[in-house]
C-alpha atoms as a PDB file:
ATOM      1  CA  MET A   1     -16.631  -9.976   1.176  1.00  0.00           C
ATOM      2  CA  THR A   2     -16.725  -8.189   4.743  1.00  0.00           C
ATOM      3  CA  ARG A   3     -13.590  -7.585   6.601  1.00  0.00           C
ATOM      4  CA  ILE A   4     -14.699  -8.296  10.230  1.00  0.00           C
ATOM      5  CA  LYS A   5     -13.369  -5.363  12.873  1.00  0.00           C
ATOM      6  CA  THR A   6     -11.246  -6.025  15.730  1.00  0.00           C
ATOM      7  CA  LYS A   7     -11.043  -3.891  18.648  1.00  0.00           C
ATOM      8  CA  ARG A   8      -7.478  -2.353  19.482  1.00  0.00           C
ATOM      9  CA  THR A   9      -5.374  -0.534  21.845  1.00  0.00           C
ATOM     10  CA  CYS A  10      -2.696   1.606  20.942  1.00  0.00           C
ATOM     11  CA  THR A  11       0.765   2.321  23.235  1.00  0.00           C
ATOM     12  CA  ASN A  12      -0.865   5.565  24.482  1.00  0.00           C
ATOM     13  CA  GLY A  13      -4.250   3.811  25.298  1.00  0.00           C
ATOM     14  CA  HIS A  14      -6.872   5.181  22.488  1.00  0.00           C
ATOM     15  CA  SER A  15      -9.172   2.041  22.070  1.00  0.00           C
ATOM     16  CA  PHE A  16     -10.515   1.709  17.965  1.00  0.00           C
ATOM     17  CA  TYR A  17     -11.117  -0.713  15.844  1.00  0.00           C
ATOM     18  CA  LYS A  18      -9.333  -1.968  12.152  1.00  0.00           C
ATOM     19  CA  SER A  19     -10.458  -4.522   9.662  1.00  0.00           C
ATOM     20  CA  THR A  20      -6.775  -4.509   8.117  1.00  0.00           C
ATOM     21  CA  ASP A  21      -3.441  -5.552   9.790  1.00  0.00           C
ATOM     22  CA  CYS A  22      -2.207  -1.921   9.731  1.00  0.00           C
ATOM     23  CA  PRO A  23      -1.182  -0.911  13.172  1.00  0.00           C
ATOM     24  CA  THR A  24      -1.354   2.617  13.615  1.00  0.00           C
ATOM     25  CA  CYS A  25      -3.684   4.212  15.910  1.00  0.00           C
ATOM     26  CA  PRO A  26      -6.168   6.726  13.640  1.00  0.00           C
ATOM     27  CA  ILE A  27      -6.556   8.794  17.116  1.00  0.00           C
ATOM     28  CA  CYS A  28      -2.609   9.213  17.430  1.00  0.00           C
ATOM     29  CA  GLU A  29      -2.032   9.752  13.690  1.00  0.00           C
ATOM     30  CA  LYS A  30      -4.924  12.476  14.006  1.00  0.00           C
ATOM     31  CA  GLU A  31      -3.104  14.031  17.174  1.00  0.00           C
ATOM     32  CA  LYS A  32       0.092  14.459  14.977  1.00  0.00           C
ATOM     33  CA  LYS A  33      -1.003  16.577  12.252  1.00  0.00           C
ATOM     34  CA  PRO A  34       0.153  19.582  12.489  1.00  0.00           C
ATOM     35  CA  LYS A  35      -2.314  22.864  12.060  1.00  0.00           C
ATOM     36  CA  ASP A  36      -0.529  24.560   9.586  1.00  0.00           C
ATOM     37  CA  GLY A  37       1.808  24.244   6.783  1.00  0.00           C
ATOM     38  CA  PHE A  38       2.114  21.902   4.040  1.00  0.00           C
ATOM     39  CA  LEU A  39       2.329  18.838   6.160  1.00  0.00           C
ATOM     40  CA  ALA A  40      -1.157  20.091   6.848  1.00  0.00           C
ATOM     41  CA  LEU A  41      -2.393  19.247   3.443  1.00  0.00           C
ATOM     42  CA  LEU A  42      -1.494  15.627   3.671  1.00  0.00           C
ATOM     43  CA  GLY A  43      -3.564  12.664   4.995  1.00  0.00           C
ATOM     44  CA  SER A  44      -1.018  10.889   7.461  1.00  0.00           C
ATOM     45  CA  PRO A  45       0.297   7.676   4.682  1.00  0.00           C
ATOM     46  CA  ALA A  46       2.243  11.197   2.736  1.00  0.00           C
ATOM     47  CA  ARG A  47       3.117  12.937   5.459  1.00  0.00           C
ATOM     48  CA  ASN A  48       4.680   9.840   6.905  1.00  0.00           C
ATOM     49  CA  ALA A  49       6.356   9.234   3.890  1.00  0.00           C
ATOM     50  CA  LEU A  50       8.270  13.152   3.493  1.00  0.00           C
ATOM     51  CA  LEU A  51       9.060  12.954   7.366  1.00  0.00           C
ATOM     52  CA  THR A  52      10.334   9.489   7.296  1.00  0.00           C
ATOM     53  CA  HIS A  53      12.720  11.114   4.587  1.00  0.00           C
ATOM     54  CA  GLY A  54      13.383  13.903   6.305  1.00  0.00           C
ATOM     55  CA  ILE A  55      11.256  16.612   4.431  1.00  0.00           C
ATOM     56  CA  ASP A  56       9.620  18.892   6.824  1.00  0.00           C
ATOM     57  CA  GLN A  57      10.232  22.063   5.253  1.00  0.00           C
ATOM     58  CA  LEU A  58       9.739  23.302   1.269  1.00  0.00           C
ATOM     59  CA  GLU A  59      13.077  23.701   0.739  1.00  0.00           C
ATOM     60  CA  LYS A  60      13.901  20.286   1.065  1.00  0.00           C
ATOM     61  CA  LEU A  61      10.904  19.112  -0.750  1.00  0.00           C
ATOM     62  CA  ALA A  62      12.594  20.789  -3.890  1.00  0.00           C
ATOM     63  CA  GLN A  63      15.312  19.321  -4.153  1.00  0.00           C
ATOM     64  CA  TYR A  64      13.135  16.170  -4.654  1.00  0.00           C
ATOM     65  CA  SER A  65      11.698  15.829  -8.359  1.00  0.00           C
ATOM     66  CA  GLU A  66       7.562  14.482  -8.581  1.00  0.00           C
ATOM     67  CA  LYS A  67       9.137  11.387 -10.225  1.00  0.00           C
ATOM     68  CA  ASP A  68      11.010  10.781  -6.832  1.00  0.00           C
ATOM     69  CA  LEU A  69       7.963  11.949  -4.754  1.00  0.00           C
ATOM     70  CA  LEU A  70       6.440   8.917  -6.258  1.00  0.00           C
ATOM     71  CA  LYS A  71       8.527   6.120  -5.292  1.00  0.00           C
ATOM     72  CA  LEU A  72       8.157   6.726  -1.609  1.00  0.00           C
ATOM     73  CA  HIS A  73       5.488   4.198   0.049  1.00  0.00           C
ATOM     74  CA  GLY A  74       3.071   6.910   0.927  1.00  0.00           C
ATOM     75  CA  LEU A  75       2.736   9.616  -1.187  1.00  0.00           C
ATOM     76  CA  GLY A  76       0.559   9.153  -4.660  1.00  0.00           C
ATOM     77  CA  LYS A  77      -0.333  11.379  -6.893  1.00  0.00           C
ATOM     78  CA  THR A  78      -2.959  13.022  -5.580  1.00  0.00           C
ATOM     79  CA  SER A  79      -0.104  14.740  -2.604  1.00  0.00           C
ATOM     80  CA  LEU A  80       1.380  16.655  -5.733  1.00  0.00           C
ATOM     81  CA  PRO A  81      -0.536  18.752  -6.600  1.00  0.00           C
ATOM     82  CA  LEU A  82      -1.207  20.770  -3.255  1.00  0.00           C
ATOM     83  CA  LEU A  83       2.889  20.240  -2.523  1.00  0.00           C
ATOM     84  CA  GLY A  84       3.202  21.331  -6.104  1.00  0.00           C
ATOM     85  CA  GLN A  85       1.206  24.697  -4.821  1.00  0.00           C
ATOM     86  CA  ALA A  86       2.516  25.327  -1.741  1.00  0.00           C
ATOM     87  CA  LEU A  87       6.206  25.159  -3.564  1.00  0.00           C
ATOM     88  CA  MET A  88       4.613  28.051  -6.027  1.00  0.00           C
ATOM     89  CA  GLU A  89       3.563  29.919  -3.106  1.00  0.00           C
ATOM     90  CA  LYS A  90       6.362  30.556  -1.572  1.00  0.00           C
ATOM     91  CA  GLY A  91       8.158  31.147  -5.523  1.00  0.00           C
ATOM     92  CA  LEU A  92       9.812  26.612  -4.976  1.00  0.00           C
ATOM     93  CA  LYS A  93       9.017  24.083  -7.455  1.00  0.00           C
ATOM     94  CA  PHE A  94       9.916  20.655  -7.698  1.00  0.00           C
ATOM     95  CA  LYS A  95      13.127  19.439  -8.836  1.00  0.00           C
ATOM     96  CA  GLU A  96      13.235  18.417 -12.682  1.00  0.00           C
END
């Protein structure tokens, strides 16, 4: 079944097409993506999941276990190796 894409305009005036009910503007999401740091490694759903829970620094990330992080909506198994590598590079690791 092919979904029909509808044209939408976000509150910032960007026009885009979507075939789902998701209100997120892809143009705004690209503009919000950091250029560096561990959050730049992630897609918007995972990045937004962390930011929603105040996890914006590796030290804060290290306070969570992998099991805890997988409970966050938007963060999945694909993100964990990227986050684990970023932690390891700073001498940190996930909470046991």
